Protein backbone atom coordinates (compact mmCIF):
# COMPACT_ATOMS: atom_id res chain seq x y z
CA UNK A 1 23.99 -45.67 -14.39
CA UNK A 2 23.34 -48.04 -11.57
CA UNK A 3 26.73 -47.23 -10.04
CA UNK A 4 25.91 -43.52 -10.09
CA UNK A 5 22.65 -44.11 -8.22
CA UNK A 6 24.41 -46.26 -5.63
CA UNK A 7 27.14 -43.61 -5.19
CA UNK A 8 24.58 -40.87 -4.68
CA UNK A 9 22.64 -42.95 -2.17
CA UNK A 10 25.83 -43.71 -0.23
CA UNK A 11 26.81 -40.04 -0.27
CA UNK A 12 23.43 -39.03 1.17
CA UNK A 13 23.87 -41.58 3.95
CA UNK A 14 27.51 -40.65 4.57
CA UNK A 15 26.87 -36.89 4.75
CA UNK A 16 23.61 -36.43 6.65
CA UNK A 17 24.83 -33.20 8.23
CA UNK A 18 24.80 -31.39 4.91
CA UNK A 19 21.21 -32.41 4.30
CA UNK A 20 20.18 -31.53 7.87
CA UNK A 21 21.79 -28.11 7.52
CA UNK A 22 19.82 -27.47 4.32
CA UNK A 23 16.56 -28.48 6.03
CA UNK A 24 17.30 -26.30 9.07
CA UNK A 25 18.07 -23.33 6.85
CA UNK A 26 14.82 -23.74 4.92
CA UNK A 27 12.66 -23.96 8.04
CA UNK A 28 13.91 -20.69 9.56
CA UNK A 29 10.79 -18.54 9.77
CA UNK A 30 10.88 -14.87 8.81
CA UNK A 31 9.94 -12.28 11.42
CA UNK A 32 6.84 -10.33 10.40
CA UNK A 33 5.62 -7.12 12.03
CA UNK A 34 2.51 -5.13 11.10
CA UNK A 35 1.89 -1.49 11.99
CA UNK A 36 -0.99 0.86 11.26
CA UNK A 37 -0.87 4.64 10.94
CA UNK A 38 -2.95 7.51 9.62
CA UNK A 39 -1.63 10.34 7.43
CA UNK A 40 -3.25 13.63 6.56
CA UNK A 41 -2.66 15.24 3.18
CA UNK A 42 -2.54 18.96 2.61
CA UNK A 43 -5.68 21.05 2.22
CA UNK A 44 -6.08 21.87 -1.46
CA UNK A 45 -8.13 24.93 -2.42
CA UNK A 46 -10.60 24.03 -5.17
CA UNK A 47 -11.41 27.37 -6.77
CA UNK A 48 -14.59 28.97 -5.48
CA UNK A 49 -15.94 25.68 -4.12
CA UNK A 50 -13.86 25.25 -0.95
CA UNK A 51 -11.08 22.89 0.12
CA UNK A 52 -10.40 19.17 -0.13
CA UNK A 53 -8.42 17.33 2.54
CA UNK A 54 -7.67 13.59 2.44
CA UNK A 55 -6.72 11.27 5.32
CA UNK A 56 -5.35 7.80 4.54
CA UNK A 57 -4.93 4.80 6.81
CA UNK A 58 -1.85 2.77 5.93
CA UNK A 59 -0.80 -0.73 6.94
CA UNK A 60 2.96 -1.27 6.96
CA UNK A 61 4.23 -4.85 6.90
CA UNK A 62 7.91 -5.48 7.61
CA UNK A 63 9.35 -8.93 6.87
CA UNK A 64 12.85 -9.74 8.15
CA UNK A 65 14.27 -12.95 6.68
CA UNK A 66 17.86 -13.25 7.78
CA UNK A 67 19.57 -10.11 6.53
CA UNK A 68 16.90 -9.42 3.92
CA UNK A 69 14.27 -6.83 4.95
CA UNK A 70 11.09 -6.23 2.94
CA UNK A 71 8.77 -3.33 3.75
CA UNK A 72 5.33 -3.05 2.16
CA UNK A 73 2.89 -0.21 2.66
CA UNK A 74 -0.75 -0.51 1.67
CA UNK A 75 -3.51 2.07 1.82
CA UNK A 76 -6.28 0.35 3.74
CA UNK A 77 -8.84 3.16 3.75
CA UNK A 78 -9.35 6.77 2.69
CA UNK A 79 -11.45 9.40 4.38
CA UNK A 80 -12.20 12.94 3.23
CA UNK A 81 -12.87 15.03 6.38
CA UNK A 82 -12.92 18.33 4.47
CA UNK A 83 -14.58 18.52 1.07
CA UNK A 84 -16.07 21.15 -1.21
CA UNK A 85 -19.38 22.32 0.22
CA UNK A 86 -19.59 25.99 -0.72
CA UNK A 87 -22.77 25.71 -2.79
CA UNK A 88 -25.47 23.10 -3.27
CA UNK A 89 -23.98 22.36 -6.70
CA UNK A 90 -20.50 21.71 -5.29
CA UNK A 91 -21.97 19.43 -2.61
CA UNK A 92 -23.88 17.52 -5.30
CA UNK A 93 -20.78 17.10 -7.47
CA UNK A 94 -18.56 16.08 -4.57
CA UNK A 95 -21.07 13.55 -3.26
CA UNK A 96 -21.09 11.99 -6.71
CA UNK A 97 -17.32 12.10 -7.18
CA UNK A 98 -15.96 10.81 -3.85
CA UNK A 99 -17.63 7.37 -4.00
CA UNK A 100 -15.87 6.87 -7.34
CA UNK A 101 -12.49 8.38 -6.45
CA UNK A 102 -11.94 6.59 -3.13
CA UNK A 103 -12.25 2.95 -4.29
CA UNK A 104 -10.25 3.69 -7.43
CA UNK A 105 -7.42 5.19 -5.36
CA UNK A 106 -7.43 2.20 -2.98
CA UNK A 107 -7.30 -0.22 -5.92
CA UNK A 108 -4.50 1.75 -7.62
CA UNK A 109 -2.62 2.36 -4.32
CA UNK A 110 -1.69 5.65 -5.93
CA UNK A 111 -2.94 9.14 -6.71
CA UNK A 112 -2.70 8.39 -10.44
CA UNK A 113 -6.38 7.78 -11.06
CA UNK A 114 -9.03 8.95 -13.52
CA UNK A 115 -10.86 12.25 -13.06
CA UNK A 116 -14.61 12.16 -12.50
CA UNK A 117 -16.47 13.91 -15.29
CA UNK A 118 -18.19 17.07 -14.08
CA UNK A 119 -16.07 17.22 -10.92
CA UNK A 120 -12.67 17.98 -12.41
CA UNK A 121 -11.60 20.52 -9.78
CA UNK A 122 -12.71 18.28 -6.92
CA UNK A 123 -10.96 15.29 -8.53
CA UNK A 124 -7.78 17.30 -8.93
CA UNK A 125 -7.90 18.52 -5.32
CA UNK A 126 -8.53 14.97 -4.10
CA UNK A 127 -5.54 13.65 -6.04
CA UNK A 128 -3.21 16.42 -4.83
CA UNK A 129 -4.14 15.92 -1.18
CA UNK A 130 -3.93 12.14 -1.58
CA UNK A 131 -0.44 12.41 -3.11
CA UNK A 132 0.72 14.55 -0.16
CA UNK A 133 -0.59 11.94 2.29
CA UNK A 134 1.09 9.12 0.34
CA UNK A 135 4.43 10.96 0.40
CA UNK A 136 4.12 11.38 4.19
CA UNK A 137 3.41 7.67 4.57
CA UNK A 138 6.47 6.71 2.52
CA UNK A 139 8.71 8.56 5.00
CA UNK A 140 7.26 6.45 7.84
């Protein structure tokens, strides 16, 4: 046992280049680039209430580590520039639904979210427009 320890210690001293190469390889830093872009979904007609249109802001992080490339896209914010406002009732429902839909979509990073009770058509239009914007961002 003692001989094995001595042999290993002598090998580490005799071959410092191998150890230095391993350290140099581990300290190579990956190249990271971050980009921001905005994508507009399609306008979705929500029955007699009007249209819903979603705009998402996406942060794309690209990490290059040697030959390995990792790309991550994250929805950073969601805006709804066009929403159902045909009647006072549709405005009321939309104003109650959007504050629930937006954070849930950002948390899920997807259009697969829960409908808001009482605002089913608006929820559906929001999800369809959001999905179109997400598909556009994935091609970026």
